[in-house]
Amino acid sequence: MRSTRIAVSAAMLGALALPVLSATTASAAPIATAAPASSCSSLPPLPYEVHTKAVTIRSKATTKSTALGVLYRGHKVTVHKKSGNWLYITDKTTGVKGWVSGTYVYRDVRMCLD
């Protein structure tokens, strides 16, 4: 049963990959490049964003401290300082200030192709 599933999966992947490979070799037309933009490094840093379902804003940099609020996925915050894996933030929407775990909050990344 398991070997049959593996064989079917391999056949499906092979069938899906074949059109992609042939399409890339057939369309070898030159790619037009856009006009060079300003240097990516001169742009301001992107904001921090919550990358989990929810994270609690706390009064101190510990899980045992008082909860001040909750931030949800995609919420943008301003980070003022760091202490270990904790970030002191300001919620851009409500103005609430407090600590959140840095495990769940990341800076958005800008890709520079200079």
PDB file of N, CA and C in Angstrom:
ATOM      1  N   MET A   1       0.826  -1.196   0.000  1.00  0.00           N
ATOM      2  CA  MET A   1       0.000   0.000   0.000  1.00  0.00           C
ATOM      3  C   MET A   1       0.869   1.259   0.000  1.00  0.00           C
ATOM      4  N   ARG A   2       1.901   1.260   0.892  1.00  0.00           N
ATOM      5  CA  ARG A   2       2.747   2.424   0.980  1.00  0.00           C
ATOM      6  C   ARG A   2       3.579   2.616  -0.290  1.00  0.00           C
ATOM      7  N   SER A   3       4.115   1.520  -0.846  1.00  0.00           N
ATOM      8  CA  SER A   3       4.925   1.642  -2.063  1.00  0.00           C
ATOM      9  C   SER A   3       4.065   2.099  -3.244  1.00  0.00           C
ATOM     10  N   THR A   4       2.809   1.714  -3.252  1.00  0.00           N
ATOM     11  CA  THR A   4       1.896   2.171  -4.307  1.00  0.00           C
ATOM     12  C   THR A   4       1.690   3.677  -4.196  1.00  0.00           C
ATOM     13  N   ARG A   5       1.503   4.179  -2.959  1.00  0.00           N
ATOM     14  CA  ARG A   5       1.320   5.607  -2.746  1.00  0.00           C
ATOM     15  C   ARG A   5       2.562   6.388  -3.173  1.00  0.00           C
ATOM     16  N   ILE A   6       3.728   5.871  -2.866  1.00  0.00           N
ATOM     17  CA  ILE A   6       4.969   6.530  -3.241  1.00  0.00           C
ATOM     18  C   ILE A   6       5.121   6.568  -4.758  1.00  0.00           C
ATOM     19  N   ALA A   7       4.800   5.465  -5.428  1.00  0.00           N
ATOM     20  CA  ALA A   7       4.910   5.405  -6.886  1.00  0.00           C
ATOM     21  C   ALA A   7       3.939   6.376  -7.546  1.00  0.00           C
ATOM     22  N   VAL A   8       2.714   6.453  -7.027  1.00  0.00           N
ATOM     23  CA  VAL A   8       1.718   7.373  -7.584  1.00  0.00           C
ATOM     24  C   VAL A   8       2.159   8.817  -7.360  1.00  0.00           C
ATOM     25  N   SER A   9       2.677   9.106  -6.169  1.00  0.00           N
ATOM     26  CA  SER A   9       3.146  10.465  -5.871  1.00  0.00           C
ATOM     27  C   SER A   9       4.285  10.861  -6.797  1.00  0.00           C
ATOM     28  N   ALA A  10       5.229   9.952  -7.015  1.00  0.00           N
ATOM     29  CA  ALA A  10       6.357  10.241  -7.898  1.00  0.00           C
ATOM     30  C   ALA A  10       5.890  10.478  -9.328  1.00  0.00           C
ATOM     31  N   ALA A  11       4.934   9.697  -9.778  1.00  0.00           N
ATOM     32  CA  ALA A  11       4.408   9.862 -11.134  1.00  0.00           C
ATOM     33  C   ALA A  11       3.698  11.203 -11.280  1.00  0.00           C
ATOM     34  N   MET A  12       2.947  11.587 -10.254  1.00  0.00           N
ATOM     35  CA  MET A  12       2.229  12.874 -10.301  1.00  0.00           C
ATOM     36  C   MET A  12       3.216  14.038 -10.324  1.00  0.00           C
ATOM     37  N   LEU A  13       4.245  13.976  -9.486  1.00  0.00           N
ATOM     38  CA  LEU A  13       5.239  15.041  -9.465  1.00  0.00           C
ATOM     39  C   LEU A  13       5.979  15.141 -10.793  1.00  0.00           C
ATOM     40  N   GLY A  14       6.297  13.997 -11.382  1.00  0.00           N
ATOM     41  CA  GLY A  14       6.968  13.999 -12.677  1.00  0.00           C
ATOM     42  C   GLY A  14       6.094  14.608 -13.763  1.00  0.00           C
ATOM     43  N   ALA A  15       4.803  14.305 -13.732  1.00  0.00           N
ATOM     44  CA  ALA A  15       3.873  14.843 -14.727  1.00  0.00           C
ATOM     45  C   ALA A  15       3.697  16.344 -14.555  1.00  0.00           C
ATOM     46  N   LEU A  16       3.731  16.814 -13.309  1.00  0.00           N
ATOM     47  CA  LEU A  16       3.589  18.250 -13.072  1.00  0.00           C
ATOM     48  C   LEU A  16       4.850  19.015 -13.445  1.00  0.00           C
ATOM     49  N   ALA A  17       6.014  18.423 -13.250  1.00  0.00           N
ATOM     50  CA  ALA A  17       7.277  19.108 -13.515  1.00  0.00           C
ATOM     51  C   ALA A  17       7.582  19.202 -15.001  1.00  0.00           C
ATOM     52  N   LEU A  18       7.128  18.262 -15.796  1.00  0.00           N
ATOM     53  CA  LEU A  18       7.447  18.230 -17.214  1.00  0.00           C
ATOM     54  C   LEU A  18       6.985  19.479 -17.962  1.00  0.00           C
ATOM     55  N   PRO A  19       5.720  19.933 -17.814  1.00  0.00           N
ATOM     56  CA  PRO A  19       5.316  21.153 -18.532  1.00  0.00           C
ATOM     57  C   PRO A  19       6.088  22.383 -18.072  1.00  0.00           C
ATOM     58  N   VAL A  20       6.441  22.450 -16.811  1.00  0.00           N
ATOM     59  CA  VAL A  20       7.185  23.597 -16.302  1.00  0.00           C
ATOM     60  C   VAL A  20       8.570  23.640 -16.926  1.00  0.00           C
ATOM     61  N   LEU A  21       9.244  22.510 -16.998  1.00  0.00           N
ATOM     62  CA  LEU A  21      10.574  22.466 -17.588  1.00  0.00           C
ATOM     63  C   LEU A  21      10.547  22.810 -19.070  1.00  0.00           C
ATOM     64  N   SER A  22       9.577  22.286 -19.798  1.00  0.00           N
ATOM     65  CA  SER A  22       9.525  22.566 -21.226  1.00  0.00           C
ATOM     66  C   SER A  22       9.121  24.012 -21.490  1.00  0.00           C
ATOM     67  N   ALA A  23       8.302  24.602 -20.620  1.00  0.00           N
ATOM     68  CA  ALA A  23       7.886  25.993 -20.815  1.00  0.00           C
ATOM     69  C   ALA A  23       9.050  26.945 -20.587  1.00  0.00           C
ATOM     70  N   THR A  24       9.915  26.632 -19.634  1.00  0.00           N
ATOM     71  CA  THR A  24      11.033  27.535 -19.368  1.00  0.00           C
ATOM     72  C   THR A  24      12.075  27.490 -20.477  1.00  0.00           C
ATOM     73  N   THR A  25      12.290  26.342 -21.088  1.00  0.00           N
ATOM     74  CA  THR A  25      13.275  26.265 -22.162  1.00  0.00           C
ATOM     75  C   THR A  25      12.727  26.843 -23.459  1.00  0.00           C
ATOM     76  N   ALA A  26      11.431  26.751 -23.677  1.00  0.00           N
ATOM     77  CA  ALA A  26      10.848  27.232 -24.920  1.00  0.00           C
ATOM     78  C   ALA A  26      10.754  28.752 -24.951  1.00  0.00           C
ATOM     79  N   SER A  27      10.582  29.389 -23.822  1.00  0.00           N
ATOM     80  CA  SER A  27      10.411  30.843 -23.810  1.00  0.00           C
ATOM     81  C   SER A  27      11.709  31.509 -23.371  1.00  0.00           C
ATOM     82  N   ALA A  28      12.679  31.519 -24.221  1.00  0.00           N
ATOM     83  CA  ALA A  28      13.978  32.111 -23.915  1.00  0.00           C
ATOM     84  C   ALA A  28      14.071  33.531 -24.446  1.00  0.00           C
ATOM     85  N   ALA A  29      12.971  34.270 -24.412  1.00  0.00           N
ATOM     86  CA  ALA A  29      12.958  35.645 -24.891  1.00  0.00           C
ATOM     87  C   ALA A  29      13.690  36.529 -23.890  1.00  0.00           C
ATOM     88  N   PRO A  30      14.361  37.583 -24.372  1.00  0.00           N
ATOM     89  CA  PRO A  30      15.065  38.472 -23.446  1.00  0.00           C
ATOM     90  C   PRO A  30      14.075  39.171 -22.511  1.00  0.00           C
ATOM     91  N   ILE A  31      14.523  39.385 -21.288  1.00  0.00           N
ATOM     92  CA  ILE A  31      13.677  40.018 -20.278  1.00  0.00           C
ATOM     93  C   ILE A  31      13.999  41.503 -20.253  1.00  0.00           C
ATOM     94  N   ALA A  32      12.960  42.323 -20.326  1.00  0.00           N
ATOM     95  CA  ALA A  32      13.150  43.765 -20.274  1.00  0.00           C
ATOM     96  C   ALA A  32      13.413  44.177 -18.831  1.00  0.00           C
ATOM     97  N   THR A  33      14.400  45.041 -18.635  1.00  0.00           N
ATOM     98  CA  THR A  33      14.709  45.497 -17.287  1.00  0.00           C
ATOM     99  C   THR A  33      14.128  46.877 -17.075  1.00  0.00           C
ATOM    100  N   ALA A  34      13.689  47.114 -15.858  1.00  0.00           N
ATOM    101  CA  ALA A  34      13.112  48.413 -15.520  1.00  0.00           C
ATOM    102  C   ALA A  34      14.232  49.417 -15.275  1.00  0.00           C
ATOM    103  N   ALA A  35      13.872  50.671 -15.265  1.00  0.00           N
ATOM    104  CA  ALA A  35      14.844  51.717 -14.978  1.00  0.00           C
ATOM    105  C   ALA A  35      15.323  51.556 -13.545  1.00  0.00           C
ATOM    106  N   PRO A  36      16.608  51.756 -13.281  1.00  0.00           N
ATOM    107  CA  PRO A  36      17.113  51.568 -11.928  1.00  0.00           C
ATOM    108  C   PRO A  36      16.446  52.522 -10.943  1.00  0.00           C
ATOM    109  N   ALA A  37      16.006  51.969  -9.829  1.00  0.00           N
ATOM    110  CA  ALA A  37      15.374  52.771  -8.788  1.00  0.00           C
ATOM    111  C   ALA A  37      16.443  53.271  -7.830  1.00  0.00           C
ATOM    112  N   SER A  38      16.017  54.082  -6.870  1.00  0.00           N
ATOM    113  CA  SER A  38      16.973  54.559  -5.882  1.00  0.00           C
ATOM    114  C   SER A  38      17.472  53.390  -5.050  1.00  0.00           C
ATOM    115  N   SER A  39      18.619  53.567  -4.446  1.00  0.00           N
ATOM    116  CA  SER A  39      19.224  52.496  -3.670  1.00  0.00           C
ATOM    117  C   SER A  39      18.291  52.054  -2.556  1.00  0.00           C
ATOM    118  N   CYS A  40      18.173  50.756  -2.401  1.00  0.00           N
ATOM    119  CA  CYS A  40      17.287  50.179  -1.398  1.00  0.00           C
ATOM    120  C   CYS A  40      17.765  50.515   0.015  1.00  0.00           C
ATOM    121  N   SER A  41      19.078  50.641   0.190  1.00  0.00           N
ATOM    122  CA  SER A  41      19.613  50.909   1.523  1.00  0.00           C
ATOM    123  C   SER A  41      19.296  52.323   1.999  1.00  0.00           C
ATOM    124  N   SER A  42      18.929  53.221   1.091  1.00  0.00           N
ATOM    125  CA  SER A  42      18.607  54.588   1.491  1.00  0.00           C
ATOM    126  C   SER A  42      17.164  54.724   1.974  1.00  0.00           C
ATOM    127  N   LEU A  43      16.353  53.688   1.783  1.00  0.00           N
ATOM    128  CA  LEU A  43      14.964  53.726   2.226  1.00  0.00           C
ATOM    129  C   LEU A  43      14.874  53.469   3.725  1.00  0.00           C
ATOM    130  N   PRO A  44      13.845  54.010   4.398  1.00  0.00           N
ATOM    131  CA  PRO A  44      13.712  53.775   5.839  1.00  0.00           C
ATOM    132  C   PRO A  44      13.403  52.311   6.122  1.00  0.00           C
ATOM    133  N   PRO A  45      13.752  51.829   7.314  1.00  0.00           N
ATOM    134  CA  PRO A  45      13.478  50.426   7.645  1.00  0.00           C
ATOM    135  C   PRO A  45      11.978  50.157   7.700  1.00  0.00           C
ATOM    136  N   LEU A  46      11.611  48.940   7.387  1.00  0.00           N
ATOM    137  CA  LEU A  46      10.211  48.552   7.416  1.00  0.00           C
ATOM    138  C   LEU A  46       9.766  48.313   8.861  1.00  0.00           C
ATOM    139  N   PRO A  47       8.458  48.408   9.140  1.00  0.00           N
ATOM    140  CA  PRO A  47       7.982  48.222  10.518  1.00  0.00           C
ATOM    141  C   PRO A  47       8.025  46.753  10.947  1.00  0.00           C
ATOM    142  N   TYR A  48       7.899  46.555  12.248  1.00  0.00           N
ATOM    143  CA  TYR A  48       7.779  45.203  12.782  1.00  0.00           C
ATOM    144  C   TYR A  48       6.337  44.763  12.640  1.00  0.00           C
ATOM    145  N   GLU A  49       6.123  43.450  12.503  1.00  0.00           N
ATOM    146  CA  GLU A  49       4.781  42.916  12.292  1.00  0.00           C
ATOM    147  C   GLU A  49       4.629  41.611  13.075  1.00  0.00           C
ATOM    148  N   VAL A  50       3.405  41.356  13.564  1.00  0.00           N
ATOM    149  CA  VAL A  50       3.110  40.131  14.300  1.00  0.00           C
ATOM    150  C   VAL A  50       2.974  38.992  13.298  1.00  0.00           C
ATOM    151  N   HIS A  51       3.720  37.898  13.525  1.00  0.00           N
ATOM    152  CA  HIS A  51       3.709  36.765  12.605  1.00  0.00           C
ATOM    153  C   HIS A  51       3.209  35.492  13.278  1.00  0.00           C
ATOM    154  N   THR A  52       2.234  35.626  14.145  1.00  0.00           N
ATOM    155  CA  THR A  52       1.573  34.492  14.780  1.00  0.00           C
ATOM    156  C   THR A  52       0.116  34.867  14.953  1.00  0.00           C
ATOM    157  N   LYS A  53      -0.692  33.946  15.404  1.00  0.00           N
ATOM    158  CA  LYS A  53      -2.125  34.208  15.541  1.00  0.00           C
ATOM    159  C   LYS A  53      -2.380  35.401  16.468  1.00  0.00           C
ATOM    160  N   ALA A  54      -1.710  35.430  17.616  1.00  0.00           N
ATOM    161  CA  ALA A  54      -1.860  36.535  18.560  1.00  0.00           C
ATOM    162  C   ALA A  54      -0.674  36.559  19.504  1.00  0.00           C
ATOM    163  N   VAL A  55      -0.337  37.751  20.005  1.00  0.00           N
ATOM    164  CA  VAL A  55       0.732  37.904  20.989  1.00  0.00           C
ATOM    165  C   VAL A  55       0.249  38.917  22.029  1.00  0.00           C
ATOM    166  N   THR A  56       0.591  38.669  23.298  1.00  0.00           N
ATOM    167  CA  THR A  56       0.143  39.511  24.398  1.00  0.00           C
ATOM    168  C   THR A  56       1.154  40.621  24.676  1.00  0.00           C
ATOM    169  N   ILE A  57       0.645  41.840  24.842  1.00  0.00           N
ATOM    170  CA  ILE A  57       1.479  42.964  25.268  1.00  0.00           C
ATOM    171  C   ILE A  57       1.524  42.907  26.794  1.00  0.00           C
ATOM    172  N   ARG A  58       2.717  42.956  27.371  1.00  0.00           N
ATOM    173  CA  ARG A  58       2.887  42.828  28.822  1.00  0.00           C
ATOM    174  C   ARG A  58       3.533  44.076  29.421  1.00  0.00           C
ATOM    175  N   SER A  59       3.327  44.272  30.739  1.00  0.00           N
ATOM    176  CA  SER A  59       3.871  45.440  31.423  1.00  0.00           C
ATOM    177  C   SER A  59       5.376  45.323  31.662  1.00  0.00           C
ATOM    178  N   LYS A  60       5.890  44.102  31.788  1.00  0.00           N
ATOM    179  CA  LYS A  60       7.327  43.852  31.974  1.00  0.00           C
ATOM    180  C   LYS A  60       7.757  42.749  31.018  1.00  0.00           C
ATOM    181  N   ALA A  61       9.056  42.589  30.857  1.00  0.00           N
ATOM    182  CA  ALA A  61       9.589  41.598  29.925  1.00  0.00           C
ATOM    183  C   ALA A  61       9.603  40.207  30.548  1.00  0.00           C
ATOM    184  N   THR A  62       8.438  39.735  30.954  1.00  0.00           N
ATOM    185  CA  THR A  62       8.285  38.395  31.506  1.00  0.00           C
ATOM    186  C   THR A  62       6.855  37.912  31.284  1.00  0.00           C
ATOM    187  N   THR A  63       6.682  36.619  31.150  1.00  0.00           N
ATOM    188  CA  THR A  63       5.339  36.070  30.918  1.00  0.00           C
ATOM    189  C   THR A  63       4.462  36.148  32.161  1.00  0.00           C
ATOM    190  N   LYS A  64       5.045  36.394  33.329  1.00  0.00           N
ATOM    191  CA  LYS A  64       4.274  36.468  34.575  1.00  0.00           C
ATOM    192  C   LYS A  64       3.744  37.871  34.851  1.00  0.00           C
ATOM    193  N   SER A  65       4.099  38.855  34.025  1.00  0.00           N
ATOM    194  CA  SER A  65       3.659  40.232  34.250  1.00  0.00           C
ATOM    195  C   SER A  65       2.242  40.455  33.738  1.00  0.00           C
ATOM    196  N   THR A  66       1.682  41.594  34.085  1.00  0.00           N
ATOM    197  CA  THR A  66       0.310  41.953  33.730  1.00  0.00           C
ATOM    198  C   THR A  66       0.147  42.123  32.218  1.00  0.00           C
ATOM    199  N   ALA A  67      -0.938  41.560  31.683  1.00  0.00           N
ATOM    200  CA  ALA A  67      -1.252  41.713  30.260  1.00  0.00           C
ATOM    201  C   ALA A  67      -1.912  43.070  30.036  1.00  0.00           C
ATOM    202  N   LEU A  68      -1.416  43.815  29.062  1.00  0.00           N
ATOM    203  CA  LEU A  68      -1.954  45.138  28.742  1.00  0.00           C
ATOM    204  C   LEU A  68      -2.821  45.136  27.489  1.00  0.00           C
ATOM    205  N   GLY A  69      -2.644  44.142  26.637  1.00  0.00           N
ATOM    206  CA  GLY A  69      -3.401  44.078  25.393  1.00  0.00           C
ATOM    207  C   GLY A  69      -2.966  42.891  24.560  1.00  0.00           C
ATOM    208  N   VAL A  70      -3.575  42.762  23.391  1.00  0.00           N
ATOM    209  CA  VAL A  70      -3.273  41.656  22.480  1.00  0.00           C
ATOM    210  C   VAL A  70      -3.081  42.225  21.079  1.00  0.00           C
ATOM    211  N   LEU A  71      -2.084  41.696  20.374  1.00  0.00           N
ATOM    212  CA  LEU A  71      -1.855  42.043  18.970  1.00  0.00           C
ATOM    213  C   LEU A  71      -2.119  40.800  18.132  1.00  0.00           C
ATOM    214  N   TYR A  72      -2.709  40.985  16.971  1.00  0.00           N
ATOM    215  CA  TYR A  72      -3.044  39.861  16.109  1.00  0.00           C
ATOM    216  C   TYR A  72      -2.169  39.859  14.861  1.00  0.00           C
ATOM    217  N   ARG A  73      -2.181  38.737  14.135  1.00  0.00           N
ATOM    218  CA  ARG A  73      -1.357  38.550  12.943  1.00  0.00           C
ATOM    219  C   ARG A  73      -1.493  39.736  11.985  1.00  0.00           C
ATOM    220  N   GLY A  74      -0.344  40.199  11.480  1.00  0.00           N
ATOM    221  CA  GLY A  74      -0.329  41.291  10.516  1.00  0.00           C
ATOM    222  C   GLY A  74      -0.324  42.666  11.141  1.00  0.00           C
ATOM    223  N   HIS A  75      -0.497  42.750  12.461  1.00  0.00           N
ATOM    224  CA  HIS A  75      -0.523  44.038  13.149  1.00  0.00           C
ATOM    225  C   HIS A  75       0.873  44.649  13.141  1.00  0.00           C
ATOM    226  N   LYS A  76       0.995  45.920  12.839  1.00  0.00           N
ATOM    227  CA  LYS A  76       2.282  46.592  12.760  1.00  0.00           C
ATOM    228  C   LYS A  76       2.541  47.353  14.068  1.00  0.00           C
ATOM    229  N   VAL A  77       3.803  47.284  14.537  1.00  0.00           N
ATOM    230  CA  VAL A  77       4.179  47.946  15.781  1.00  0.00           C
ATOM    231  C   VAL A  77       5.507  48.672  15.599  1.00  0.00           C
ATOM    232  N   THR A  78       5.761  49.631  16.492  1.00  0.00           N
ATOM    233  CA  THR A  78       7.037  50.328  16.532  1.00  0.00           C
ATOM    234  C   THR A  78       7.836  49.757  17.687  1.00  0.00           C
ATOM    235  N   VAL A  79       9.080  49.368  17.431  1.00  0.00           N
ATOM    236  CA  VAL A  79       9.940  48.820  18.480  1.00  0.00           C
ATOM    237  C   VAL A  79      10.888  49.916  18.962  1.00  0.00           C
ATOM    238  N   HIS A  80      10.931  50.124  20.297  1.00  0.00           N
ATOM    239  CA  HIS A  80      11.790  51.161  20.880  1.00  0.00           C
ATOM    240  C   HIS A  80      13.097  50.596  21.411  1.00  0.00           C
ATOM    241  N   LYS A  81      13.036  49.424  22.053  1.00  0.00           N
ATOM    242  CA  LYS A  81      14.255  48.816  22.582  1.00  0.00           C
ATOM    243  C   LYS A  81      14.060  47.319  22.736  1.00  0.00           C
ATOM    244  N   LYS A  82      15.184  46.620  22.956  1.00  0.00           N
ATOM    245  CA  LYS A  82      15.166  45.175  23.116  1.00  0.00           C
ATOM    246  C   LYS A  82      15.805  44.807  24.436  1.00  0.00           C
ATOM    247  N   SER A  83      15.320  43.737  25.044  1.00  0.00           N
ATOM    248  CA  SER A  83      15.913  43.192  26.263  1.00  0.00           C
ATOM    249  C   SER A  83      15.864  41.677  26.130  1.00  0.00           C
ATOM    250  N   GLY A  84      16.993  41.078  25.790  1.00  0.00           N
ATOM    251  CA  GLY A  84      17.006  39.637  25.528  1.00  0.00           C
ATOM    252  C   GLY A  84      16.150  39.347  24.315  1.00  0.00           C
ATOM    253  N   ASN A  85      15.146  38.502  24.484  1.00  0.00           N
ATOM    254  CA  ASN A  85      14.234  38.175  23.381  1.00  0.00           C
ATOM    255  C   ASN A  85      12.934  38.977  23.476  1.00  0.00           C
ATOM    256  N   TRP A  86      12.895  39.996  24.309  1.00  0.00           N
ATOM    257  CA  TRP A  86      11.697  40.810  24.472  1.00  0.00           C
ATOM    258  C   TRP A  86      11.878  42.151  23.775  1.00  0.00           C
ATOM    259  N   LEU A  87      10.772  42.676  23.224  1.00  0.00           N
ATOM    260  CA  LEU A  87      10.783  43.964  22.525  1.00  0.00           C
ATOM    261  C   LEU A  87       9.828  44.923  23.217  1.00  0.00           C
ATOM    262  N   TYR A  88      10.297  46.146  23.499  1.00  0.00           N
ATOM    263  CA  TYR A  88       9.418  47.185  24.046  1.00  0.00           C
ATOM    264  C   TYR A  88       8.799  47.905  22.857  1.00  0.00           C
ATOM    265  N   ILE A  89       7.488  47.832  22.723  1.00  0.00           N
ATOM    266  CA  ILE A  89       6.810  48.304  21.515  1.00  0.00           C
ATOM    267  C   ILE A  89       5.735  49.346  21.826  1.00  0.00           C
ATOM    268  N   THR A  90       5.307  50.011  20.775  1.00  0.00           N
ATOM    269  CA  THR A  90       4.115  50.853  20.816  1.00  0.00           C
ATOM    270  C   THR A  90       3.178  50.349  19.737  1.00  0.00           C
ATOM    271  N   ASP A  91       1.945  50.040  20.129  1.00  0.00           N
ATOM    272  CA  ASP A  91       0.917  49.630  19.173  1.00  0.00           C
ATOM    273  C   ASP A  91       0.537  50.860  18.361  1.00  0.00           C
ATOM    274  N   LYS A  92       0.732  50.815  17.047  1.00  0.00           N
ATOM    275  CA  LYS A  92       0.469  51.976  16.187  1.00  0.00           C
ATOM    276  C   LYS A  92      -1.009  52.364  16.147  1.00  0.00           C
ATOM    277  N   THR A  93      -1.896  51.411  16.410  1.00  0.00           N
ATOM    278  CA  THR A  93      -3.328  51.690  16.349  1.00  0.00           C
ATOM    279  C   THR A  93      -3.850  52.314  17.635  1.00  0.00           C
ATOM    280  N   THR A  94      -3.523  51.716  18.777  1.00  0.00           N
ATOM    281  CA  THR A  94      -4.096  52.161  20.056  1.00  0.00           C
ATOM    282  C   THR A  94      -3.152  53.008  20.889  1.00  0.00           C
ATOM    283  N   GLY A  95      -1.858  52.982  20.598  1.00  0.00           N
ATOM    284  CA  GLY A  95      -0.890  53.739  21.375  1.00  0.00           C
ATOM    285  C   GLY A  95      -0.434  53.028  22.643  1.00  0.00           C
ATOM    286  N   VAL A  96      -0.878  51.799  22.874  1.00  0.00           N
ATOM    287  CA  VAL A  96      -0.481  51.039  24.062  1.00  0.00           C
ATOM    288  C   VAL A  96       0.998  50.696  23.962  1.00  0.00           C
ATOM    289  N   LYS A  97       1.737  50.916  25.071  1.00  0.00           N
ATOM    290  CA  LYS A  97       3.160  50.590  25.118  1.00  0.00           C
ATOM    291  C   LYS A  97       3.358  49.431  26.074  1.00  0.00           C
ATOM    292  N   GLY A  98       4.263  48.517  25.698  1.00  0.00           N
ATOM    293  CA  GLY A  98       4.549  47.384  26.557  1.00  0.00           C
ATOM    294  C   GLY A  98       5.540  46.443  25.914  1.00  0.00           C
ATOM    295  N   TRP A  99       5.716  45.290  26.536  1.00  0.00           N
ATOM    296  CA  TRP A  99       6.689  44.291  26.093  1.00  0.00           C
ATOM    297  C   TRP A  99       6.003  43.128  25.399  1.00  0.00           C
ATOM    298  N   VAL A 100       6.595  42.652  24.298  1.00  0.00           N
ATOM    299  CA  VAL A 100       6.115  41.452  23.611  1.00  0.00           C
ATOM    300  C   VAL A 100       7.314  40.538  23.362  1.00  0.00           C
ATOM    301  N   SER A 101       7.033  39.258  23.255  1.00  0.00           N
ATOM    302  CA  SER A 101       8.096  38.297  22.963  1.00  0.00           C
ATOM    303  C   SER A 101       8.567  38.464  21.528  1.00  0.00           C
ATOM    304  N   GLY A 102       9.877  38.561  21.339  1.00  0.00           N
ATOM    305  CA  GLY A 102      10.454  38.707  20.005  1.00  0.00           C
ATOM    306  C   GLY A 102      10.330  37.460  19.158  1.00  0.00           C
ATOM    307  N   THR A 103       9.886  36.361  19.756  1.00  0.00           N
ATOM    308  CA  THR A 103       9.686  35.124  19.012  1.00  0.00           C
ATOM    309  C   THR A 103       8.567  35.270  17.998  1.00  0.00           C
ATOM    310  N   TYR A 104       7.608  36.143  18.283  1.00  0.00           N
ATOM    311  CA  TYR A 104       6.405  36.245  17.460  1.00  0.00           C
ATOM    312  C   TYR A 104       6.320  37.530  16.644  1.00  0.00           C
ATOM    313  N   VAL A 105       7.271  38.434  16.815  1.00  0.00           N
ATOM    314  CA  VAL A 105       7.241  39.722  16.125  1.00  0.00           C
ATOM    315  C   VAL A 105       8.529  39.864  15.319  1.00  0.00           C
ATOM    316  N   TYR A 106       8.393  40.115  14.011  1.00  0.00           N
ATOM    317  CA  TYR A 106       9.551  40.228  13.123  1.00  0.00           C
ATOM    318  C   TYR A 106       9.477  41.525  12.334  1.00  0.00           C
ATOM    319  N   ARG A 107      10.636  42.001  11.917  1.00  0.00           N
ATOM    320  CA  ARG A 107      10.675  43.148  11.004  1.00  0.00           C
ATOM    321  C   ARG A 107      10.386  42.638   9.607  1.00  0.00           C
ATOM    322  N   ASP A 108       9.529  43.337   8.888  1.00  0.00           N
ATOM    323  CA  ASP A 108       9.323  43.006   7.484  1.00  0.00           C
ATOM    324  C   ASP A 108      10.639  43.195   6.744  1.00  0.00           C
ATOM    325  N   VAL A 109      10.857  42.403   5.711  1.00  0.00           N
ATOM    326  CA  VAL A 109      12.117  42.424   4.993  1.00  0.00           C
ATOM    327  C   VAL A 109      11.916  43.009   3.587  1.00  0.00           C
ATOM    328  N   ARG A 110      12.805  43.900   3.233  1.00  0.00           N
ATOM    329  CA  ARG A 110      12.797  44.477   1.888  1.00  0.00           C
ATOM    330  C   ARG A 110      13.941  43.816   1.117  1.00  0.00           C
ATOM    331  N   MET A 111      13.662  43.352  -0.073  1.00  0.00           N
ATOM    332  CA  MET A 111      14.708  42.716  -0.871  1.00  0.00           C
ATOM    333  C   MET A 111      15.328  43.742  -1.811  1.00  0.00           C
ATOM    334  N   CYS A 112      16.624  43.960  -1.676  1.00  0.00           N
ATOM    335  CA  CYS A 112      17.333  44.920  -2.519  1.00  0.00           C
ATOM    336  C   CYS A 112      18.046  44.171  -3.637  1.00  0.00           C
ATOM    337  N   LEU A 113      17.825  44.585  -4.855  1.00  0.00           N
ATOM    338  CA  LEU A 113      18.480  43.965  -6.000  1.00  0.00           C
ATOM    339  C   LEU A 113      19.385  44.977  -6.698  1.00  0.00           C
ATOM    340  N   ASP A 114      20.340  45.496  -5.943  1.00  0.00           N
ATOM    341  CA  ASP A 114      21.264  46.502  -6.489  1.00  0.00           C
ATOM    342  C   ASP A 114      22.410  45.860  -7.198  1.00  0.00           C
TER     343      ASP A 114
END
